[in-house]
């Protein structure tokens, strides 16, 4: 079972999904957790550049509000995206309605059959994505289509493919 932001406790090797722990030299140590415990955590299920928790990057603003209701708040950020904030997830759209990014609480990031606890995510990305880079305090992974601040536990932003060039263009500080 994962506790606050990814520390594994009570592992039972015979049941449940794999929790990958980045290890030296790119190997993966994979204890498993009880399946009934996963539903109580804050996982993010990502199909890189395709969907987040079942919401495709082709979704429109009206698709999101139809599925999730009215957001707790709506705001415009400094790069001109409209953010629909649902508390544990934020959807950001261009004015055209195109979904750009989804930020969510992710105590574990599920990438297919592998789940990576947030506490191991930076190491996992650095070992498995040679194209990863740092921008404005975020670790950005083109391979996995994510950006996150390693020091701010449990929040991960999944990016639409067309957003990666914008992240790459941010001036290195």
C-alpha atoms as a PDB file:
ATOM      1  CA  UNK A   1       0.000   0.000   0.000  1.00  0.00           C
ATOM      2  CA  UNK A   2       1.185   3.524  -0.704  1.00  0.00           C
ATOM      3  CA  UNK A   3       1.021   6.042   2.065  1.00  0.00           C
ATOM      4  CA  UNK A   4       1.218   9.833   1.724  1.00  0.00           C
ATOM      5  CA  UNK A   5       2.913  10.522  -1.617  1.00  0.00           C
ATOM      6  CA  UNK A   6       4.299   7.153  -2.377  1.00  0.00           C
ATOM      7  CA  UNK A   7       6.021   5.469   0.524  1.00  0.00           C
ATOM      8  CA  UNK A   8       5.274   1.766   0.270  1.00  0.00           C
ATOM      9  CA  UNK A   9       4.002  -0.100   3.289  1.00  0.00           C
ATOM     10  CA  UNK A  10       2.456  -3.523   3.724  1.00  0.00           C
ATOM     11  CA  UNK A  11       3.596  -4.930   0.375  1.00  0.00           C
ATOM     12  CA  UNK A  12       2.210  -8.325  -0.539  1.00  0.00           C
ATOM     13  CA  UNK A  13       4.157  -9.803  -3.468  1.00  0.00           C
ATOM     14  CA  UNK A  14       1.409 -12.171  -4.581  1.00  0.00           C
ATOM     15  CA  UNK A  15      -1.333  -9.601  -5.375  1.00  0.00           C
ATOM     16  CA  UNK A  16      -1.978  -6.346  -7.190  1.00  0.00           C
ATOM     17  CA  UNK A  17      -0.432  -4.024  -9.731  1.00  0.00           C
ATOM     18  CA  UNK A  18       3.284  -3.452  -9.999  1.00  0.00           C
ATOM     19  CA  UNK A  19       4.826  -0.447  -8.287  1.00  0.00           C
ATOM     20  CA  UNK A  20       8.082   0.383 -10.005  1.00  0.00           C
ATOM     21  CA  UNK A  21      10.950   1.796  -8.028  1.00  0.00           C
ATOM     22  CA  UNK A  22      13.749   3.272 -10.044  1.00  0.00           C
ATOM     23  CA  UNK A  23      16.973   1.530  -9.181  1.00  0.00           C
ATOM     24  CA  UNK A  24      20.590   2.096 -10.189  1.00  0.00           C
ATOM     25  CA  UNK A  25      21.587   1.127 -13.718  1.00  0.00           C
ATOM     26  CA  UNK A  26      17.996   1.327 -15.013  1.00  0.00           C
ATOM     27  CA  UNK A  27      16.710  -1.851 -13.401  1.00  0.00           C
ATOM     28  CA  UNK A  28      13.290  -1.811 -11.810  1.00  0.00           C
ATOM     29  CA  UNK A  29      12.528  -3.171  -8.356  1.00  0.00           C
ATOM     30  CA  UNK A  30       8.822  -3.946  -8.323  1.00  0.00           C
ATOM     31  CA  UNK A  31       7.047  -4.770  -5.061  1.00  0.00           C
ATOM     32  CA  UNK A  32       3.289  -5.034  -5.390  1.00  0.00           C
ATOM     33  CA  UNK A  33       0.415  -3.593  -3.395  1.00  0.00           C
ATOM     34  CA  UNK A  34      -2.981  -4.908  -2.429  1.00  0.00           C
ATOM     35  CA  UNK A  35      -5.494  -4.102  -5.198  1.00  0.00           C
ATOM     36  CA  UNK A  36      -8.243  -2.872  -2.861  1.00  0.00           C
ATOM     37  CA  UNK A  37      -5.899  -0.258  -1.416  1.00  0.00           C
ATOM     38  CA  UNK A  38      -5.217   1.433  -4.753  1.00  0.00           C
ATOM     39  CA  UNK A  39      -8.723   2.886  -5.006  1.00  0.00           C
ATOM     40  CA  UNK A  40      -8.143   4.870  -1.804  1.00  0.00           C
ATOM     41  CA  UNK A  41      -5.022   6.577  -3.134  1.00  0.00           C
ATOM     42  CA  UNK A  42      -4.585   9.371  -5.702  1.00  0.00           C
ATOM     43  CA  UNK A  43      -3.252   7.641  -8.798  1.00  0.00           C
ATOM     44  CA  UNK A  44      -2.940   9.125 -12.263  1.00  0.00           C
ATOM     45  CA  UNK A  45      -3.493   6.706 -15.147  1.00  0.00           C
ATOM     46  CA  UNK A  46      -1.651   8.061 -18.151  1.00  0.00           C
ATOM     47  CA  UNK A  47      -1.586   6.971 -21.757  1.00  0.00           C
ATOM     48  CA  UNK A  48       1.213   9.265 -22.876  1.00  0.00           C
ATOM     49  CA  UNK A  49      -0.059  12.083 -25.109  1.00  0.00           C
ATOM     50  CA  UNK A  50      -3.403  10.265 -25.449  1.00  0.00           C
ATOM     51  CA  UNK A  51      -5.401  10.432 -22.209  1.00  0.00           C
ATOM     52  CA  UNK A  52      -5.324  11.043 -18.454  1.00  0.00           C
ATOM     53  CA  UNK A  53      -7.592   8.991 -16.194  1.00  0.00           C
ATOM     54  CA  UNK A  54      -9.681   8.133 -19.244  1.00  0.00           C
ATOM     55  CA  UNK A  55     -10.082  11.732 -20.454  1.00  0.00           C
ATOM     56  CA  UNK A  56      -8.586  11.998 -23.958  1.00  0.00           C
ATOM     57  CA  UNK A  57      -6.569  15.032 -25.014  1.00  0.00           C
ATOM     58  CA  UNK A  58      -9.156  15.391 -27.784  1.00  0.00           C
ATOM     59  CA  UNK A  59     -11.779  16.270 -25.126  1.00  0.00           C
ATOM     60  CA  UNK A  60     -13.348  19.692 -25.330  1.00  0.00           C
ATOM     61  CA  UNK A  61     -14.180  21.960 -22.441  1.00  0.00           C
ATOM     62  CA  UNK A  62     -17.829  20.937 -22.725  1.00  0.00           C
ATOM     63  CA  UNK A  63     -16.804  17.248 -22.647  1.00  0.00           C
ATOM     64  CA  UNK A  64     -14.991  17.851 -19.361  1.00  0.00           C
ATOM     65  CA  UNK A  65     -17.822  19.814 -17.740  1.00  0.00           C
ATOM     66  CA  UNK A  66     -20.360  17.247 -18.929  1.00  0.00           C
ATOM     67  CA  UNK A  67     -18.288  14.457 -17.337  1.00  0.00           C
ATOM     68  CA  UNK A  68     -17.245  16.261 -14.130  1.00  0.00           C
ATOM     69  CA  UNK A  69     -19.830  19.006 -13.647  1.00  0.00           C
ATOM     70  CA  UNK A  70     -19.015  22.625 -12.965  1.00  0.00           C
ATOM     71  CA  UNK A  71     -15.491  23.254 -11.644  1.00  0.00           C
ATOM     72  CA  UNK A  72     -14.816  24.660  -8.187  1.00  0.00           C
ATOM     73  CA  UNK A  73     -13.181  27.600  -9.917  1.00  0.00           C
ATOM     74  CA  UNK A  74     -12.186  28.861 -13.320  1.00  0.00           C
ATOM     75  CA  UNK A  75      -9.246  31.159 -14.005  1.00  0.00           C
ATOM     76  CA  UNK A  76      -6.897  32.314 -16.721  1.00  0.00           C
ATOM     77  CA  UNK A  77      -3.191  31.719 -16.174  1.00  0.00           C
ATOM     78  CA  UNK A  78      -0.222  33.847 -17.225  1.00  0.00           C
ATOM     79  CA  UNK A  79       0.300  31.911 -20.470  1.00  0.00           C
ATOM     80  CA  UNK A  80      -3.288  32.460 -21.599  1.00  0.00           C
ATOM     81  CA  UNK A  81      -4.819  29.092 -20.759  1.00  0.00           C
ATOM     82  CA  UNK A  82      -8.212  28.760 -19.084  1.00  0.00           C
ATOM     83  CA  UNK A  83      -8.029  26.466 -16.071  1.00  0.00           C
ATOM     84  CA  UNK A  84     -10.997  24.473 -14.817  1.00  0.00           C
ATOM     85  CA  UNK A  85     -10.123  23.546 -11.225  1.00  0.00           C
ATOM     86  CA  UNK A  86     -11.888  20.549  -9.685  1.00  0.00           C
ATOM     87  CA  UNK A  87      -9.714  20.444  -6.557  1.00  0.00           C
ATOM     88  CA  UNK A  88      -7.780  17.242  -7.201  1.00  0.00           C
ATOM     89  CA  UNK A  89      -7.467  17.842 -10.955  1.00  0.00           C
ATOM     90  CA  UNK A  90      -7.113  20.935 -13.157  1.00  0.00           C
ATOM     91  CA  UNK A  91      -7.833  20.936 -16.903  1.00  0.00           C
ATOM     92  CA  UNK A  92      -6.217  23.740 -18.942  1.00  0.00           C
ATOM     93  CA  UNK A  93      -7.562  24.768 -22.347  1.00  0.00           C
ATOM     94  CA  UNK A  94      -6.570  27.121 -25.137  1.00  0.00           C
ATOM     95  CA  UNK A  95      -9.169  29.715 -26.141  1.00  0.00           C
ATOM     96  CA  UNK A  96      -9.942  27.501 -29.130  1.00  0.00           C
ATOM     97  CA  UNK A  97     -11.113  24.822 -26.678  1.00  0.00           C
ATOM     98  CA  UNK A  98      -8.149  22.508 -27.240  1.00  0.00           C
ATOM     99  CA  UNK A  99      -7.042  20.666 -24.091  1.00  0.00           C
ATOM    100  CA  UNK A 100      -3.398  21.476 -23.362  1.00  0.00           C
ATOM    101  CA  UNK A 101      -2.621  19.919 -20.012  1.00  0.00           C
ATOM    102  CA  UNK A 102      -4.115  18.101 -17.068  1.00  0.00           C
ATOM    103  CA  UNK A 103      -2.624  18.520 -13.598  1.00  0.00           C
ATOM    104  CA  UNK A 104      -3.656  16.076 -10.942  1.00  0.00           C
ATOM    105  CA  UNK A 105      -2.734  14.623  -7.592  1.00  0.00           C
ATOM    106  CA  UNK A 106      -0.660  11.576  -8.364  1.00  0.00           C
ATOM    107  CA  UNK A 107       0.657   9.634  -5.422  1.00  0.00           C
ATOM    108  CA  UNK A 108       1.348   7.037  -8.092  1.00  0.00           C
ATOM    109  CA  UNK A 109       1.683   7.539 -11.838  1.00  0.00           C
ATOM    110  CA  UNK A 110       0.409   4.526 -13.795  1.00  0.00           C
ATOM    111  CA  UNK A 111       2.120   4.056 -17.148  1.00  0.00           C
ATOM    112  CA  UNK A 112       0.544   0.943 -18.591  1.00  0.00           C
ATOM    113  CA  UNK A 113       1.399  -2.013 -16.355  1.00  0.00           C
ATOM    114  CA  UNK A 114       3.910  -0.021 -14.284  1.00  0.00           C
ATOM    115  CA  UNK A 115       3.003   2.354 -11.466  1.00  0.00           C
ATOM    116  CA  UNK A 116       5.623   4.726 -10.118  1.00  0.00           C
ATOM    117  CA  UNK A 117       5.191   6.271  -6.648  1.00  0.00           C
ATOM    118  CA  UNK A 118       5.656  10.038  -6.769  1.00  0.00           C
ATOM    119  CA  UNK A 119       8.626   9.827  -4.406  1.00  0.00           C
ATOM    120  CA  UNK A 120      10.447   7.770  -7.085  1.00  0.00           C
ATOM    121  CA  UNK A 121       9.183   9.631 -10.149  1.00  0.00           C
ATOM    122  CA  UNK A 122      12.169  11.957 -10.648  1.00  0.00           C
ATOM    123  CA  UNK A 123      14.636   9.067 -10.466  1.00  0.00           C
ATOM    124  CA  UNK A 124      12.420   6.927 -12.720  1.00  0.00           C
ATOM    125  CA  UNK A 125      12.247   9.703 -15.344  1.00  0.00           C
ATOM    126  CA  UNK A 126      15.968  10.432 -15.182  1.00  0.00           C
ATOM    127  CA  UNK A 127      16.816   6.742 -15.637  1.00  0.00           C
ATOM    128  CA  UNK A 128      14.277   6.033 -18.377  1.00  0.00           C
ATOM    129  CA  UNK A 129      14.051   9.247 -20.412  1.00  0.00           C
ATOM    130  CA  UNK A 130      17.338  10.504 -21.798  1.00  0.00           C
ATOM    131  CA  UNK A 131      15.483  13.491 -23.305  1.00  0.00           C
ATOM    132  CA  UNK A 132      14.187  14.750 -19.916  1.00  0.00           C
ATOM    133  CA  UNK A 133      15.075  18.331 -19.016  1.00  0.00           C
ATOM    134  CA  UNK A 134      14.560  20.928 -16.289  1.00  0.00           C
ATOM    135  CA  UNK A 135      12.557  24.092 -16.973  1.00  0.00           C
ATOM    136  CA  UNK A 136      11.411  26.714 -14.493  1.00  0.00           C
ATOM    137  CA  UNK A 137      11.726  24.266 -11.591  1.00  0.00           C
ATOM    138  CA  UNK A 138       9.880  21.466 -13.400  1.00  0.00           C
ATOM    139  CA  UNK A 139      11.324  18.155 -14.523  1.00  0.00           C
ATOM    140  CA  UNK A 140       9.883  17.629 -18.012  1.00  0.00           C
ATOM    141  CA  UNK A 141       9.759  14.220 -19.687  1.00  0.00           C
ATOM    142  CA  UNK A 142       9.100  14.126 -23.431  1.00  0.00           C
ATOM    143  CA  UNK A 143       9.019  10.313 -23.351  1.00  0.00           C
ATOM    144  CA  UNK A 144       6.193  10.212 -20.802  1.00  0.00           C
ATOM    145  CA  UNK A 145       4.571  13.562 -21.651  1.00  0.00           C
ATOM    146  CA  UNK A 146       4.717  14.914 -18.110  1.00  0.00           C
ATOM    147  CA  UNK A 147       6.056  17.870 -16.146  1.00  0.00           C
ATOM    148  CA  UNK A 148       6.319  18.060 -12.352  1.00  0.00           C
ATOM    149  CA  UNK A 149       8.194  19.758  -9.548  1.00  0.00           C
ATOM    150  CA  UNK A 150      10.018  16.973  -7.673  1.00  0.00           C
ATOM    151  CA  UNK A 151      10.013  18.984  -4.428  1.00  0.00           C
ATOM    152  CA  UNK A 152       6.223  19.541  -4.469  1.00  0.00           C
ATOM    153  CA  UNK A 153       4.875  16.063  -3.837  1.00  0.00           C
ATOM    154  CA  UNK A 154       2.032  14.451  -5.632  1.00  0.00           C
ATOM    155  CA  UNK A 155       1.158  16.933  -8.397  1.00  0.00           C
ATOM    156  CA  UNK A 156       1.900  15.860 -11.969  1.00  0.00           C
ATOM    157  CA  UNK A 157       0.975  17.631 -15.193  1.00  0.00           C
ATOM    158  CA  UNK A 158       0.234  15.478 -18.224  1.00  0.00           C
ATOM    159  CA  UNK A 159       0.839  17.294 -21.498  1.00  0.00           C
ATOM    160  CA  UNK A 160      -0.700  17.104 -24.935  1.00  0.00           C
ATOM    161  CA  UNK A 161       1.965  16.274 -27.536  1.00  0.00           C
ATOM    162  CA  UNK A 162       1.786  19.728 -29.120  1.00  0.00           C
ATOM    163  CA  UNK A 163       2.733  21.332 -25.768  1.00  0.00           C
ATOM    164  CA  UNK A 164       6.204  19.810 -25.550  1.00  0.00           C
ATOM    165  CA  UNK A 165       7.770  22.309 -27.948  1.00  0.00           C
ATOM    166  CA  UNK A 166       6.525  25.158 -25.750  1.00  0.00           C
ATOM    167  CA  UNK A 167       8.153  23.603 -22.684  1.00  0.00           C
ATOM    168  CA  UNK A 168      11.393  23.125 -24.610  1.00  0.00           C
ATOM    169  CA  UNK A 169      11.302  26.777 -25.691  1.00  0.00           C
ATOM    170  CA  UNK A 170      11.086  28.126 -22.135  1.00  0.00           C
ATOM    171  CA  UNK A 171      14.310  29.956 -21.414  1.00  0.00           C
ATOM    172  CA  UNK A 172      16.678  27.956 -19.262  1.00  0.00           C
ATOM    173  CA  UNK A 173      17.168  29.936 -16.039  1.00  0.00           C
END
